[in-house]
Amino acid sequence: MAALKIFDTEESNILPRVISYFDDTISDGQEMYNDFTGELLAIREFNDNHSTMKLSKMNGLFSTRYRKSSWSECVYVMHSFAHPFYDLPLR
């Protein structure tokens, strides 16, 4: 949760979308990560506490080329919906 405070700043200090990597969100079964502990809990609490900013998994990232790469399941995007540039086309 402490690391996510980086997003608690003025909109001029961040981009409208910020790609973020959370390595402790998937496991081989031994860690048993879940929505109530660790990074997944921090993401949920961040989303609960921010009405115009949300962290969400980047669904379909490299869905064909890296289909079997587990790291692609760890990529999230912080969306700042109130950012003045959010609705501009990505270039």
C-alpha atoms as a PDB file:
ATOM      1  CA  MET A   1       0.000   0.000   0.000  1.00  0.00           C
ATOM      2  CA  ALA A   2       2.871   2.373   0.775  1.00  0.00           C
ATOM      3  CA  ALA A   3       4.265   2.077  -2.754  1.00  0.00           C
ATOM      4  CA  LEU A   4       0.909   2.987  -4.291  1.00  0.00           C
ATOM      5  CA  LYS A   5       1.003   6.377  -2.556  1.00  0.00           C
ATOM      6  CA  ILE A   6       3.118   7.469  -5.510  1.00  0.00           C
ATOM      7  CA  PHE A   7      -0.178   7.972  -7.350  1.00  0.00           C
ATOM      8  CA  ASP A   8      -1.512  10.306  -4.631  1.00  0.00           C
ATOM      9  CA  THR A   9      -0.163  13.420  -6.288  1.00  0.00           C
ATOM     10  CA  GLU A  10      -1.313  16.217  -8.538  1.00  0.00           C
ATOM     11  CA  GLU A  11      -2.445  15.118 -11.988  1.00  0.00           C
ATOM     12  CA  SER A  12       0.350  17.157 -13.567  1.00  0.00           C
ATOM     13  CA  ASN A  13       2.857  14.748 -11.957  1.00  0.00           C
ATOM     14  CA  ILE A  14       1.497  11.566 -13.544  1.00  0.00           C
ATOM     15  CA  LEU A  15       0.377  10.272 -16.899  1.00  0.00           C
ATOM     16  CA  PRO A  16      -3.294   9.452 -17.503  1.00  0.00           C
ATOM     17  CA  ARG A  17      -2.356   5.765 -17.642  1.00  0.00           C
ATOM     18  CA  VAL A  18       0.617   4.229 -15.834  1.00  0.00           C
ATOM     19  CA  ILE A  19       1.747   0.687 -16.588  1.00  0.00           C
ATOM     20  CA  SER A  20       2.685  -1.101 -13.368  1.00  0.00           C
ATOM     21  CA  TYR A  21       4.172  -4.532 -12.668  1.00  0.00           C
ATOM     22  CA  PHE A  22       3.148  -6.559  -9.599  1.00  0.00           C
ATOM     23  CA  ASP A  23       5.266  -9.685  -9.331  1.00  0.00           C
ATOM     24  CA  ASP A  24       3.528 -11.216  -6.295  1.00  0.00           C
ATOM     25  CA  THR A  25       0.110 -11.658  -7.881  1.00  0.00           C
ATOM     26  CA  ILE A  26       0.538 -15.069  -9.503  1.00  0.00           C
ATOM     27  CA  SER A  27       2.321 -18.134  -8.215  1.00  0.00           C
ATOM     28  CA  ASP A  28       3.088 -21.764  -8.825  1.00  0.00           C
ATOM     29  CA  GLY A  29       0.671 -22.707  -6.052  1.00  0.00           C
ATOM     30  CA  GLN A  30       2.969 -22.566  -3.039  1.00  0.00           C
ATOM     31  CA  GLU A  31       2.510 -18.870  -2.247  1.00  0.00           C
ATOM     32  CA  MET A  32      -1.301 -18.993  -2.467  1.00  0.00           C
ATOM     33  CA  TYR A  33      -1.691 -15.287  -3.313  1.00  0.00           C
ATOM     34  CA  ASN A  34      -5.250 -14.034  -3.014  1.00  0.00           C
ATOM     35  CA  ASP A  35      -7.339 -10.852  -2.962  1.00  0.00           C
ATOM     36  CA  PHE A  36      -7.067 -10.604   0.827  1.00  0.00           C
ATOM     37  CA  THR A  37      -3.267 -10.531   1.215  1.00  0.00           C
ATOM     38  CA  GLY A  38      -0.206  -8.785  -0.182  1.00  0.00           C
ATOM     39  CA  GLU A  39      -0.179  -6.929  -3.466  1.00  0.00           C
ATOM     40  CA  LEU A  40      -3.665  -8.036  -4.516  1.00  0.00           C
ATOM     41  CA  LEU A  41      -5.074  -6.660  -1.257  1.00  0.00           C
ATOM     42  CA  ALA A  42      -3.160  -3.408  -1.794  1.00  0.00           C
ATOM     43  CA  ILE A  43      -4.608  -3.104  -5.308  1.00  0.00           C
ATOM     44  CA  ARG A  44      -8.127  -3.727  -3.999  1.00  0.00           C
ATOM     45  CA  GLU A  45      -7.709  -1.189  -1.187  1.00  0.00           C
ATOM     46  CA  PHE A  46      -6.292   1.362  -3.645  1.00  0.00           C
ATOM     47  CA  ASN A  47      -9.319   0.917  -5.912  1.00  0.00           C
ATOM     48  CA  ASP A  48     -11.717   1.137  -2.963  1.00  0.00           C
ATOM     49  CA  ASN A  49     -10.099   4.385  -1.789  1.00  0.00           C
ATOM     50  CA  HIS A  50      -9.850   6.160  -5.152  1.00  0.00           C
ATOM     51  CA  SER A  51     -13.013   7.063  -7.033  1.00  0.00           C
ATOM     52  CA  THR A  52     -11.316   8.471 -10.145  1.00  0.00           C
ATOM     53  CA  MET A  53      -8.196   6.287 -10.212  1.00  0.00           C
ATOM     54  CA  LYS A  54      -8.219   2.515 -10.633  1.00  0.00           C
ATOM     55  CA  LEU A  55      -5.614  -0.203 -10.995  1.00  0.00           C
ATOM     56  CA  SER A  56      -6.665  -2.964 -13.348  1.00  0.00           C
ATOM     57  CA  LYS A  57      -4.997  -5.949 -14.921  1.00  0.00           C
ATOM     58  CA  MET A  58      -3.947  -5.308 -18.504  1.00  0.00           C
ATOM     59  CA  ASN A  59      -6.164  -7.979 -20.037  1.00  0.00           C
ATOM     60  CA  GLY A  60      -5.015  -9.636 -23.228  1.00  0.00           C
ATOM     61  CA  LEU A  61      -1.505  -8.228 -23.018  1.00  0.00           C
ATOM     62  CA  PHE A  62       0.511  -9.942 -25.726  1.00  0.00           C
ATOM     63  CA  SER A  63      -2.286 -12.491 -25.982  1.00  0.00           C
ATOM     64  CA  THR A  64      -0.838 -14.191 -29.024  1.00  0.00           C
ATOM     65  CA  ARG A  65       2.922 -13.673 -28.942  1.00  0.00           C
ATOM     66  CA  TYR A  66       3.471 -14.191 -25.212  1.00  0.00           C
ATOM     67  CA  ARG A  67       0.444 -16.361 -24.497  1.00  0.00           C
ATOM     68  CA  LYS A  68       2.457 -18.738 -22.290  1.00  0.00           C
ATOM     69  CA  SER A  69       4.502 -16.068 -20.491  1.00  0.00           C
ATOM     70  CA  SER A  70       3.371 -15.760 -16.883  1.00  0.00           C
ATOM     71  CA  TRP A  71       4.934 -12.289 -16.465  1.00  0.00           C
ATOM     72  CA  SER A  72       2.285 -10.799 -18.746  1.00  0.00           C
ATOM     73  CA  GLU A  73      -0.326 -11.684 -16.090  1.00  0.00           C
ATOM     74  CA  CYS A  74       1.482  -9.359 -13.635  1.00  0.00           C
ATOM     75  CA  VAL A  75       1.036  -6.190 -15.687  1.00  0.00           C
ATOM     76  CA  TYR A  76      -1.589  -3.722 -14.481  1.00  0.00           C
ATOM     77  CA  VAL A  77      -2.523  -0.218 -15.562  1.00  0.00           C
ATOM     78  CA  MET A  78      -3.405   2.643 -13.257  1.00  0.00           C
ATOM     79  CA  HIS A  79      -6.130   4.651 -14.977  1.00  0.00           C
ATOM     80  CA  SER A  80      -6.549   8.251 -13.860  1.00  0.00           C
ATOM     81  CA  PHE A  81     -10.021   8.885 -15.269  1.00  0.00           C
ATOM     82  CA  ALA A  82     -10.124  12.534 -14.136  1.00  0.00           C
ATOM     83  CA  HIS A  83      -6.787  13.348 -15.777  1.00  0.00           C
ATOM     84  CA  PRO A  84      -7.223  16.170 -18.330  1.00  0.00           C
ATOM     85  CA  PHE A  85      -5.483  14.089 -21.018  1.00  0.00           C
ATOM     86  CA  TYR A  86      -7.255  10.780 -20.349  1.00  0.00           C
ATOM     87  CA  ASP A  87      -9.621  11.098 -23.334  1.00  0.00           C
ATOM     88  CA  LEU A  88      -6.922  12.067 -25.819  1.00  0.00           C
ATOM     89  CA  PRO A  89      -5.892   9.390 -28.340  1.00  0.00           C
ATOM     90  CA  LEU A  90      -2.844   7.305 -27.417  1.00  0.00           C
ATOM     91  CA  ARG A  91       0.083   7.878 -29.755  1.00  0.00           C
END
